[in-house]
Protein backbone atom coordinates (compact mmCIF):
# COMPACT_ATOMS: atom_id res chain seq x y z
CA MET A 1 -1.46 -19.01 15.23
CA THR A 2 1.71 -20.72 16.32
CA ASP A 3 4.18 -18.94 18.57
CA GLY A 4 7.13 -20.89 17.26
CA SER A 5 7.49 -22.85 20.49
CA SER A 6 7.88 -26.12 18.57
CA LYS A 7 11.38 -25.04 17.58
CA SER A 8 14.30 -24.18 19.82
CA VAL A 9 14.63 -20.39 19.85
CA ARG A 10 18.10 -18.88 19.43
CA SER A 11 19.62 -17.20 22.41
CA ALA A 12 19.78 -13.73 20.88
CA ARG A 13 18.88 -10.14 21.26
CA HIS A 14 15.11 -9.65 21.33
CA ALA A 15 13.25 -7.52 18.78
CA VAL A 16 9.59 -6.59 19.14
CA VAL A 17 7.67 -5.64 16.00
CA ILE A 18 4.41 -3.73 16.42
CA GLY A 19 1.83 -4.49 13.74
CA ALA A 20 1.44 -7.38 11.28
CA GLY A 21 0.90 -5.44 8.08
CA PHE A 22 3.24 -6.16 5.19
CA GLY A 23 5.84 -3.80 6.66
CA GLY A 24 5.83 -5.51 10.05
CA LEU A 25 5.78 -9.01 8.58
CA ALA A 26 8.72 -8.23 6.31
CA ALA A 27 10.60 -6.55 9.15
CA ALA A 28 10.15 -9.63 11.37
CA VAL A 29 11.56 -11.91 8.66
CA ARG A 30 14.55 -9.64 8.11
CA LEU A 31 15.28 -9.27 11.83
CA GLY A 32 15.06 -13.04 12.24
CA ALA A 33 17.60 -13.45 9.46
CA ARG A 34 19.88 -10.95 11.23
CA GLY A 35 20.06 -13.04 14.37
CA TYR A 36 17.25 -11.56 16.47
CA ARG A 37 14.69 -13.42 18.50
CA VAL A 38 11.51 -11.74 17.26
CA THR A 39 8.05 -11.25 18.72
CA LEU A 40 5.49 -9.78 16.32
CA LEU A 41 2.50 -8.20 18.08
CA GLU A 42 -0.80 -7.56 16.25
CA ALA A 43 -3.78 -5.86 17.88
CA LEU A 44 -6.35 -7.49 15.57
CA ASP A 45 -7.41 -11.13 15.61
CA ARG A 46 -5.76 -11.79 12.23
CA PRO A 47 -2.55 -10.67 10.54
CA GLY A 48 -2.24 -8.55 7.42
CA GLY A 49 -3.23 -5.03 8.46
CA ARG A 50 -4.64 -3.43 5.32
CA ALA A 51 -4.06 -6.78 3.59
CA ARG A 52 -6.33 -8.81 5.84
CA VAL A 53 -8.94 -11.15 4.36
CA LEU A 54 -12.73 -11.49 4.63
CA ARG A 55 -14.42 -14.80 3.84
CA GLU A 56 -18.19 -14.91 3.63
CA GLY A 57 -20.76 -16.97 1.76
CA GLY A 58 -18.08 -18.90 -0.12
CA HIS A 59 -16.43 -15.67 -1.34
CA THR A 60 -12.86 -14.66 -0.46
CA PHE A 61 -12.23 -10.91 -0.39
CA ASP A 62 -8.82 -9.30 -0.12
CA LEU A 63 -9.67 -6.20 1.89
CA GLY A 64 -6.67 -4.22 0.67
CA PRO A 65 -3.87 -4.75 -1.86
CA THR A 66 -4.79 -6.90 -4.84
CA ILE A 67 -1.69 -6.89 -7.06
CA ILE A 68 2.04 -7.52 -6.81
CA THR A 69 4.35 -5.41 -8.98
CA ALA A 70 7.75 -6.18 -7.45
CA PRO A 71 7.78 -9.92 -6.75
CA PHE A 72 11.56 -9.92 -6.28
CA LEU A 73 11.08 -8.16 -2.93
CA LEU A 74 9.01 -11.11 -1.73
CA GLU A 75 11.33 -13.69 -3.26
CA GLU A 76 14.16 -12.13 -1.23
CA LEU A 77 12.22 -12.62 2.03
CA TRP A 78 11.68 -16.28 1.26
CA ARG A 79 15.41 -16.69 0.51
CA LEU A 80 16.31 -15.03 3.82
CA ALA A 81 14.21 -17.69 5.56
CA ASP A 82 15.80 -20.49 3.46
CA ARG A 83 12.49 -21.20 1.74
CA SER A 84 11.33 -21.25 -1.88
CA PHE A 85 8.89 -18.50 -2.86
CA ALA A 86 7.96 -20.21 -6.13
CA GLY A 87 7.46 -23.48 -4.28
CA GLU A 88 4.92 -21.95 -1.87
CA ILE A 89 3.28 -19.00 -3.66
CA SER A 90 1.69 -19.12 -7.11
CA LEU A 91 1.62 -15.86 -9.07
CA SER A 92 -0.40 -15.23 -12.22
CA ALA A 93 0.92 -12.53 -14.56
CA LEU A 94 -1.96 -10.35 -15.75
CA ASP A 95 -2.40 -9.16 -19.32
CA PRO A 96 -3.86 -6.62 -19.57
CA PHE A 97 -2.66 -5.16 -16.30
CA TYR A 98 -5.96 -3.27 -16.18
CA ARG A 99 -8.56 -1.79 -18.49
CA LEU A 100 -9.35 1.92 -18.41
CA ARG A 101 -12.94 2.70 -19.33
CA PHE A 102 -13.47 6.39 -19.94
CA SER A 103 -16.73 8.25 -19.44
CA ASP A 104 -17.16 8.58 -23.22
CA GLY A 105 -17.19 4.78 -23.50
CA THR A 106 -13.72 4.41 -25.04
CA THR A 107 -11.25 2.00 -23.45
CA LEU A 108 -7.52 1.48 -23.15
CA ASP A 109 -5.99 -1.84 -22.13
CA ALA A 110 -2.63 -1.53 -20.35
CA ARG A 111 -1.01 -4.48 -22.11
CA ALA A 112 2.05 -6.34 -20.86
CA ARG A 113 3.97 -6.40 -24.18
CA GLU A 114 5.15 -2.98 -25.32
CA GLU A 115 4.12 -3.55 -28.94
CA ASP A 116 0.62 -4.56 -27.82
CA LEU A 117 0.44 -1.43 -25.69
CA LEU A 118 1.58 0.71 -28.61
CA ASP A 119 -1.26 -0.80 -30.67
CA GLU A 120 -3.63 0.47 -27.97
CA ILE A 121 -2.07 3.94 -28.11
CA ARG A 122 -2.34 4.06 -31.90
CA ARG A 123 -6.01 3.12 -31.62
CA LEU A 124 -6.87 5.64 -28.90
CA ALA A 125 -4.54 8.59 -29.60
CA PRO A 126 -2.36 7.97 -32.68
CA ALA A 127 -0.90 11.49 -32.68
CA ASP A 128 0.62 10.80 -29.23
CA GLU A 129 2.63 7.68 -30.09
CA ALA A 130 5.99 9.48 -30.18
CA GLY A 131 5.19 11.38 -26.97
CA PHE A 132 4.13 8.15 -25.30
CA ARG A 133 7.50 6.59 -26.17
CA ARG A 134 9.24 9.60 -24.64
CA PHE A 135 7.16 9.22 -21.47
CA LEU A 136 8.21 5.57 -21.17
CA ALA A 137 11.86 6.64 -21.45
CA ALA A 138 11.35 9.28 -18.74
CA SER A 139 9.64 6.69 -16.53
CA GLU A 140 12.66 4.41 -16.88
CA GLU A 141 14.98 7.21 -15.73
CA LEU A 142 12.74 7.89 -12.75
CA TYR A 143 12.69 4.19 -11.89
CA ALA A 144 16.48 4.02 -11.92
CA LEU A 145 16.68 7.00 -9.56
CA GLY A 146 13.60 6.71 -7.38
CA PHE A 147 13.41 2.94 -6.95
CA GLU A 148 16.78 1.39 -7.68
CA SER A 149 18.89 4.17 -6.16
CA LEU A 150 16.81 5.77 -3.41
CA ALA A 151 14.01 3.47 -2.23
CA HIS A 152 16.17 1.03 -0.27
CA ARG A 153 18.62 3.38 1.37
CA PRO A 154 18.03 5.30 4.58
CA PHE A 155 17.36 9.03 4.66
CA ASP A 156 18.35 10.03 8.16
CA GLY A 157 18.95 13.71 7.52
CA LEU A 158 19.58 16.57 5.13
CA GLY A 159 22.99 15.17 4.18
CA ASP A 160 21.30 12.14 2.63
CA MET A 161 18.87 14.45 0.84
CA LEU A 162 21.65 16.65 -0.52
CA ARG A 163 23.36 13.62 -2.01
CA ALA A 164 20.13 12.72 -3.82
CA LEU A 165 19.38 16.30 -4.87
CA PRO A 166 21.31 16.45 -8.20
CA GLY A 167 19.34 13.51 -9.60
CA LEU A 168 16.05 14.92 -8.33
CA VAL A 169 16.80 18.30 -9.92
CA ARG A 170 17.87 16.72 -13.21
CA LEU A 171 14.62 14.76 -13.46
CA ARG A 172 12.49 17.70 -12.30
CA ALA A 173 11.08 16.05 -9.20
CA ASP A 174 9.44 19.39 -8.40
CA ARG A 175 6.93 18.76 -11.18
CA SER A 176 3.81 16.68 -10.61
CA VAL A 177 3.16 13.34 -12.26
CA TYR A 178 0.36 14.94 -14.27
CA ARG A 179 2.70 17.66 -15.56
CA LEU A 180 5.18 14.97 -16.54
CA ALA A 181 2.50 13.19 -18.57
CA ALA A 182 1.14 16.42 -20.06
CA ARG A 183 4.63 17.37 -21.23
CA HIS A 184 4.71 14.33 -23.48
CA VAL A 185 1.11 13.64 -24.62
CA GLN A 186 -1.87 15.79 -25.54
CA ASP A 187 -4.89 13.49 -25.41
CA GLU A 188 -6.54 13.95 -22.00
CA ARG A 189 -7.50 10.30 -21.79
CA LEU A 190 -3.88 9.32 -22.30
CA ARG A 191 -2.76 11.94 -19.80
CA PHE A 192 -5.03 10.23 -17.26
CA ALA A 193 -3.65 6.79 -18.19
CA LEU A 194 -0.07 7.96 -17.61
CA SER A 195 -0.66 9.95 -14.43
CA PHE A 196 -3.30 8.25 -12.26
CA HIS A 197 -0.90 5.79 -10.59
CA PRO A 198 -0.20 7.98 -7.50
CA LEU A 199 -3.77 7.23 -6.43
CA PHE A 200 -2.55 3.67 -5.78
CA VAL A 201 -0.33 5.10 -3.02
CA GLY A 202 -2.59 7.86 -1.71
CA GLY A 203 -1.40 10.78 -3.82
CA ASN A 204 -3.08 13.41 -5.97
CA PRO A 205 -1.53 13.13 -9.48
CA PHE A 206 -1.66 16.93 -9.76
CA THR A 207 0.54 17.44 -6.67
CA THR A 208 2.49 14.18 -6.26
CA THR A 209 6.15 14.49 -7.17
CA ALA A 210 7.00 13.31 -10.70
CA VAL A 211 9.31 10.69 -9.15
CA TYR A 212 6.19 8.52 -8.91
CA GLY A 213 6.18 8.39 -12.69
CA LEU A 214 8.45 5.42 -12.00
CA ILE A 215 5.38 3.23 -11.36
CA SER A 216 4.83 2.81 -15.11
CA ALA A 217 8.37 1.46 -15.48
CA LEU A 218 7.96 -0.74 -12.41
CA GLU A 219 4.88 -2.35 -13.99
CA ARG A 220 6.56 -2.80 -17.35
CA ARG A 221 9.79 -4.24 -15.94
CA HIS A 222 8.34 -6.67 -13.45
CA GLY A 223 4.74 -7.15 -14.55
CA VAL A 224 1.50 -6.97 -12.63
CA HIS A 225 0.74 -10.20 -10.78
CA PHE A 226 -2.11 -11.72 -8.85
CA VAL A 227 -1.55 -14.24 -6.07
CA ARG A 228 -3.53 -17.43 -6.62
CA GLY A 229 -5.83 -17.79 -3.65
CA GLY A 230 -5.69 -14.03 -3.04
CA THR A 231 -3.19 -11.68 -1.43
CA GLY A 232 -4.01 -13.28 1.92
CA GLN A 233 -1.85 -16.21 0.79
CA LEU A 234 1.16 -13.89 1.03
CA VAL A 235 0.20 -12.90 4.57
CA GLU A 236 -0.09 -16.55 5.62
CA GLY A 237 3.19 -17.31 3.86
CA LEU A 238 5.04 -14.52 5.67
CA VAL A 239 3.65 -15.64 9.03
CA SER A 240 4.91 -19.12 8.20
CA LEU A 241 8.38 -17.72 7.46
CA ILE A 242 8.48 -15.99 10.84
CA THR A 243 7.36 -18.99 12.86
CA GLY A 244 9.63 -21.21 10.76
CA GLN A 245 12.54 -19.06 11.96
CA GLY A 246 11.54 -19.98 15.50
CA ASN A 247 9.94 -16.64 16.22
CA ALA A 248 6.55 -15.63 17.58
CA VAL A 249 3.42 -14.03 16.11
CA ARG A 250 0.86 -12.96 18.71
CA LEU A 251 -2.61 -11.85 17.68
CA GLY A 252 -5.00 -9.82 19.82
CA ALA A 253 -1.94 -8.24 21.47
CA ARG A 254 -2.48 -4.49 21.42
CA VAL A 255 0.56 -2.40 22.32
CA GLU A 256 -0.34 0.42 24.67
CA GLU A 257 3.08 1.98 25.16
CA ILE A 258 6.68 1.75 24.01
CA LEU A 259 8.83 1.65 27.13
CA VAL A 260 11.65 4.20 27.15
CA THR A 261 14.46 4.85 29.63
CA ARG A 262 17.00 7.65 29.05
CA ARG A 263 16.05 8.01 25.38
CA ARG A 264 16.47 4.31 24.68
CA VAL A 265 13.62 1.87 24.08
CA GLN A 266 13.37 -0.99 26.57
CA GLY A 267 10.33 -2.89 25.28
CA VAL A 268 6.56 -2.48 25.20
CA ARG A 269 3.55 -2.61 27.48
CA LEU A 270 0.37 -4.26 26.22
CA ALA A 271 -3.18 -3.12 26.85
CA ASP A 272 -3.66 -5.94 29.37
CA GLY A 273 -0.68 -4.71 31.41
CA GLU A 274 1.87 -7.30 30.24
CA THR A 275 5.33 -5.88 29.61
CA ILE A 276 7.74 -7.38 27.07
CA ALA A 277 11.40 -6.43 27.24
CA ALA A 278 13.18 -5.80 23.96
CA ASP A 279 16.55 -4.62 22.73
CA VAL A 280 14.99 -3.28 19.52
CA VAL A 281 11.44 -2.09 18.75
CA VAL A 282 10.17 -1.76 15.19
CA SER A 283 6.82 -0.01 14.74
CA ASN A 284 4.63 -0.76 11.75
CA ALA A 285 2.01 1.57 13.24
CA ASP A 286 1.53 4.91 11.52
CA PRO A 287 4.28 7.36 12.54
CA ALA A 288 1.67 9.72 14.00
CA THR A 289 0.39 6.86 16.17
CA THR A 290 3.91 5.77 17.10
CA TYR A 291 5.13 9.19 18.18
CA GLY A 292 1.81 10.66 19.25
CA ARG A 293 0.42 7.77 21.32
CA LEU A 294 2.81 4.83 21.76
CA VAL A 295 5.90 6.78 22.79
CA PRO A 296 5.38 8.10 26.35
CA SER A 297 4.64 11.82 26.49
CA ALA A 298 7.91 12.71 28.25
CA ALA A 299 9.93 11.07 25.45
CA ARG A 300 8.00 12.38 22.44
CA PRO A 301 10.02 14.57 20.09
CA PRO A 302 7.92 17.78 20.00
CA ALA A 303 8.98 18.89 16.51
CA THR A 304 8.14 15.48 15.02
CA VAL A 305 4.75 15.31 16.74
CA ARG A 306 3.94 18.84 15.61
CA ARG A 307 5.02 18.15 12.03
CA LEU A 308 2.94 14.97 11.81
CA SER A 309 -0.13 16.74 13.20
CA ARG A 310 0.17 19.35 10.45
CA ALA A 311 1.08 16.93 7.66
CA ARG A 312 -1.01 16.39 4.55
CA TYR A 313 -2.54 12.92 4.67
CA SER A 314 -3.77 10.78 1.83
CA MET A 315 -7.37 10.54 0.77
CA GLY A 316 -9.64 7.95 2.29
CA VAL A 317 -11.25 5.15 0.36
CA PHE A 318 -14.75 3.74 0.23
CA VAL A 319 -14.67 0.05 -0.67
CA TRP A 320 -17.67 -2.09 -1.50
CA TYR A 321 -17.11 -5.86 -1.40
CA PHE A 322 -19.80 -7.94 -3.06
CA GLY A 323 -20.50 -11.30 -4.58
CA THR A 324 -22.80 -12.16 -7.47
CA ARG A 325 -24.88 -15.25 -8.20
CA ARG A 326 -23.76 -15.24 -11.83
CA ARG A 327 -20.47 -14.67 -13.61
CA TYR A 328 -19.59 -11.63 -15.72
CA PRO A 329 -16.96 -13.15 -18.05
CA GLU A 330 -16.59 -10.01 -20.17
CA VAL A 331 -15.23 -8.01 -17.20
CA PRO A 332 -11.41 -8.26 -16.85
CA HIS A 333 -9.49 -8.75 -13.62
CA HIS A 334 -8.99 -4.98 -13.12
CA THR A 335 -11.12 -2.19 -14.54
CA ILE A 336 -10.78 1.51 -13.82
CA LEU A 337 -13.98 3.39 -14.58
CA VAL A 338 -12.90 6.96 -15.19
CA GLY A 339 -15.45 9.57 -14.22
CA PRO A 340 -16.31 12.67 -16.27
CA ARG A 341 -13.99 14.91 -14.18
CA TYR A 342 -10.32 14.40 -13.34
CA ARG A 343 -8.66 17.49 -11.85
CA ALA A 344 -11.92 18.88 -10.39
CA LEU A 345 -12.84 15.57 -8.76
CA LEU A 346 -9.43 15.33 -7.13
CA GLU A 347 -9.77 18.91 -5.90
CA ASP A 348 -13.08 17.87 -4.30
CA ILE A 349 -11.33 14.96 -2.58
CA PHE A 350 -8.00 16.47 -1.52
CA ASP A 351 -8.65 20.22 -1.26
CA ARG A 352 -12.34 21.05 -0.89
CA GLN A 353 -12.89 17.79 1.01
CA VAL A 354 -16.44 17.25 -0.11
CA LEU A 355 -18.17 14.06 -1.18
CA ALA A 356 -18.78 14.56 -4.90
CA GLY A 357 -21.82 13.29 -6.75
CA ASP A 358 -19.61 11.72 -9.42
CA PHE A 359 -16.63 9.43 -8.91
CA SER A 360 -14.04 7.19 -10.51
CA LEU A 361 -13.88 3.53 -9.52
CA TYR A 362 -11.35 0.74 -9.35
CA LEU A 363 -13.22 -2.54 -9.93
CA HIS A 364 -11.48 -5.75 -8.92
CA ARG A 365 -12.79 -9.08 -10.21
CA PRO A 366 -10.28 -11.67 -8.92
CA THR A 367 -12.45 -14.55 -10.15
CA ALA A 368 -11.43 -13.58 -13.68
CA THR A 369 -8.12 -15.22 -12.77
CA ASP A 370 -8.95 -17.54 -9.88
CA ALA A 371 -12.48 -18.99 -9.85
CA SER A 372 -11.85 -20.60 -6.44
CA LEU A 373 -12.45 -17.23 -4.76
CA ALA A 374 -16.22 -17.57 -5.30
CA PRO A 375 -18.75 -20.42 -5.24
CA PRO A 376 -19.20 -22.26 -8.56
CA GLY A 377 -20.90 -20.09 -11.18
CA CYS A 378 -20.43 -16.91 -9.09
CA ASP A 379 -18.11 -13.91 -9.08
CA THR A 380 -16.29 -11.97 -6.38
CA PHE A 381 -15.78 -8.19 -6.70
CA TYR A 382 -14.66 -5.13 -4.90
CA ALA A 383 -15.24 -1.55 -6.03
CA LEU A 384 -12.99 1.15 -4.57
CA SER A 385 -13.70 4.87 -4.75
CA PRO A 386 -11.26 7.55 -3.52
CA VAL A 387 -13.02 9.86 -1.06
CA PRO A 388 -11.95 12.60 1.37
CA ASN A 389 -10.32 11.50 4.59
CA LEU A 390 -11.90 12.26 7.97
CA ARG A 391 -10.75 15.86 8.02
CA ALA A 392 -13.85 16.32 5.88
CA ALA A 393 -17.23 16.85 7.54
CA ILE A 394 -18.78 13.66 6.14
CA ASP A 395 -20.98 11.49 8.35
CA TRP A 396 -20.21 8.01 7.00
CA THR A 397 -22.77 6.43 9.32
CA ARG A 398 -25.38 8.16 7.15
CA GLU A 399 -23.61 8.48 3.80
CA ALA A 400 -22.25 4.94 3.37
CA GLU A 401 -25.40 3.28 2.07
CA PRO A 402 -26.44 6.07 -0.35
CA TYR A 403 -22.87 6.11 -1.69
CA ARG A 404 -22.87 2.34 -2.14
CA CYS A 405 -26.19 2.57 -3.99
CA ALA A 406 -24.73 5.21 -6.33
CA ILE A 407 -21.80 2.90 -7.10
CA GLU A 408 -24.19 0.03 -7.71
CA ARG A 409 -26.23 2.15 -10.15
CA LEU A 410 -23.11 3.09 -12.12
CA LEU A 411 -21.88 -0.50 -12.31
CA THR A 412 -25.33 -1.74 -13.32
CA SER A 413 -25.53 0.77 -16.18
CA THR A 414 -21.99 0.08 -17.45
CA LEU A 415 -20.44 -3.31 -16.71
CA LEU A 416 -22.66 -5.43 -14.48
CA PRO A 417 -26.23 -5.60 -15.83
CA ASP A 418 -28.91 -6.79 -13.40
CA LEU A 419 -26.48 -6.31 -10.50
CA PRO A 420 -29.08 -5.58 -7.76
CA ALA A 421 -30.86 -8.87 -8.50
CA GLN A 422 -27.65 -10.85 -8.85
CA ARG A 423 -25.87 -9.44 -5.78
CA SER A 424 -25.40 -11.76 -2.80
CA VAL A 425 -22.78 -10.94 -0.17
CA SER A 426 -22.29 -7.20 0.47
CA ARG A 427 -19.94 -5.36 2.86
CA VAL A 428 -18.42 -1.88 2.89
CA LEU A 429 -15.37 -0.20 4.42
CA THR A 430 -15.25 3.56 4.96
CA PRO A 431 -12.59 5.89 6.37
CA LEU A 432 -14.14 5.24 9.79
CA ASP A 433 -12.99 1.61 9.57
CA PHE A 434 -9.46 2.66 8.67
CA ARG A 435 -9.39 4.93 11.71
CA ASP A 436 -11.03 2.54 14.16
CA GLU A 437 -9.55 -0.80 13.06
CA LEU A 438 -6.14 0.23 11.72
CA ASP A 439 -5.37 3.32 13.83
CA ALA A 440 -5.01 5.31 10.60
CA PRO A 441 -4.89 9.05 11.36
CA TRP A 442 -7.90 10.79 9.82
CA GLY A 443 -8.91 7.45 8.30
CA ALA A 444 -6.32 8.06 5.57
CA ALA A 445 -5.90 4.87 3.57
CA PHE A 446 -2.22 5.45 2.73
CA SER A 447 -0.86 7.64 5.56
CA LEU A 448 1.09 10.72 4.36
CA GLN A 449 0.63 12.00 0.82
CA PRO A 450 3.65 11.39 -1.46
CA LEU A 451 4.50 15.06 -1.89
CA LEU A 452 8.10 16.11 -2.51
CA SER A 453 7.96 17.97 0.82
CA GLN A 454 6.93 14.68 2.52
CA SER A 455 9.38 12.33 0.79
CA ALA A 456 12.82 10.85 1.54
CA ALA A 457 14.47 12.87 4.36
CA PHE A 458 11.25 14.89 4.75
CA ARG A 459 9.29 11.74 5.55
CA PRO A 460 9.43 10.02 8.97
CA HIS A 461 12.76 8.22 9.12
CA ASN A 462 13.11 4.45 9.34
CA ARG A 463 15.55 4.97 12.22
CA SER A 464 14.24 7.25 14.94
CA SER A 465 16.42 10.31 15.34
CA SER A 466 15.23 10.88 18.91
CA LEU A 467 15.06 7.41 20.52
CA ARG A 468 17.78 4.78 20.32
CA HIS A 469 16.84 1.39 18.88
CA LEU A 470 13.40 2.52 17.74
CA TYR A 471 12.74 1.90 14.05
CA LEU A 472 9.74 2.55 11.81
CA VAL A 473 8.39 0.77 8.75
CA GLY A 474 5.20 0.98 6.73
CA ALA A 475 3.27 3.36 4.49
CA GLY A 476 4.01 6.51 6.48
CA THR A 477 7.79 6.05 6.42
CA HIS A 478 10.41 6.18 3.67
CA PRO A 479 9.96 5.29 0.83
CA GLY A 480 6.13 5.33 1.03
CA ALA A 481 2.88 3.45 0.57
CA GLY A 482 1.94 0.52 -1.66
CA VAL A 483 3.20 -3.05 -1.33
CA PRO A 484 6.61 -2.31 -2.93
CA GLY A 485 6.97 0.75 -0.71
CA VAL A 486 6.26 -0.94 2.61
CA LEU A 487 8.38 -3.98 1.71
CA SER A 488 11.18 -1.56 0.81
CA SER A 489 10.80 0.22 4.15
CA ALA A 490 11.59 -3.09 5.85
CA ARG A 491 14.52 -3.61 3.48
CA VAL A 492 16.00 -0.31 4.70
CA LEU A 493 16.30 -1.91 8.16
CA ASP A 494 19.22 -3.98 6.87
CA ALA A 495 21.17 -0.72 6.58
CA VAL A 496 20.19 0.82 9.93
CA VAL A 497 19.57 -2.02 12.42
CA PRO A 498 22.81 -3.62 13.62
CA HIS A 499 23.12 -7.38 13.42
CA ALA A 500 22.03 -8.90 16.72
CA ALA A 501 25.60 -9.90 17.56
CA ALA A 502 26.79 -6.32 17.05
CA LEU A 503 24.07 -4.49 18.97
CA ASP A 504 25.46 -2.30 21.75
């Protein structure tokens, strides 16, 4: 990994970014464009955070995010670095976005064209066509408020929240996404199809604020895209933008402490004892890790630490990555296998915190779009199952293999016949890996749940209210998890971090 030493580095204020997930990578690009000399520090031996890549046996596995729904946020980063996104990154628009396969064997394809999608609705639940149209209109209103108006502006306090309140009240943000869907359609399968999206960002559809109904409009407006070569191509591209700006990316550099003097950050100390001075520090670590471990104890804001320790965190995920010796051409790029229970299963995961005997699965087959991600004649897959986070009393050292076997049995009986004989490469990630490799509190895959009480001004702020020149990005900050959310958290920095020339 280059440190940018081949280019002359600007004489400028120095910014240190902790963590090379999408939030940290985007923050480094934006700070570089604002005149800072930037050093990005990543504890692992590869960049990407949740979006890192595994290559084994000729298969390429994206370990985390697999789709892009707001490509304009990435295009903006390339423009800031005076580069061409389209010239370096190849996106494939997916149609259908995904296929829902319900436990009764019926299916619904989320089609890109509205008329094609309406054909699917008429086939599955014809009596709900008018209600479905009304839901789409409501989703558009939520998109205009939640994404266009609120996602890219800072929420530093209650004043910012009060200014947003009239819109939130008008659109009934106090309701859940499921209640929003149920208000418009009656068929339970369609209610699932219109309300499950919060699971993509770590939320329970029965408790997540209805603002997240905007995800349907986000998909419809901007499409669902796959990066040719895998999402890891984006990570490599962003690293290239940073080093192309003359800035540094250091791997295997674990930050042990943020240095603070008189309530102002001064830099960081690494695990090996090295200290790096900085005028600005941006943390892409989880807010609970930032305030509870990285900030020295004497400088920790007690109310913030206490609130984060009591917060409601997202579910964990169990992910099985596997390759097959044959292809399964009838399986689309994305399939969601919906289990027999919806509300009760989510109560098991989020409330009762028990490992249920049934499950729903997200099955990713990237080789449906890009055959280069597997050896010739083979397929690459990952199957993701939402599970309780580590606040549950589940021993994953014992439960991982039986759970994987249960997933394999379901896939064999539904979509992937003869899977045990055809399987080649096989790896799993559990909440233990999220805790141990990514410093995720409780092994939560998406940090804080997207509840109304944990959103906007009630979520950790992008600008620290207790320490000068400390900023936060990533899934646990405003506006939230998911690739659009973490990229937007870095976009907020443009409003709160002074230009390097203006820093006091």
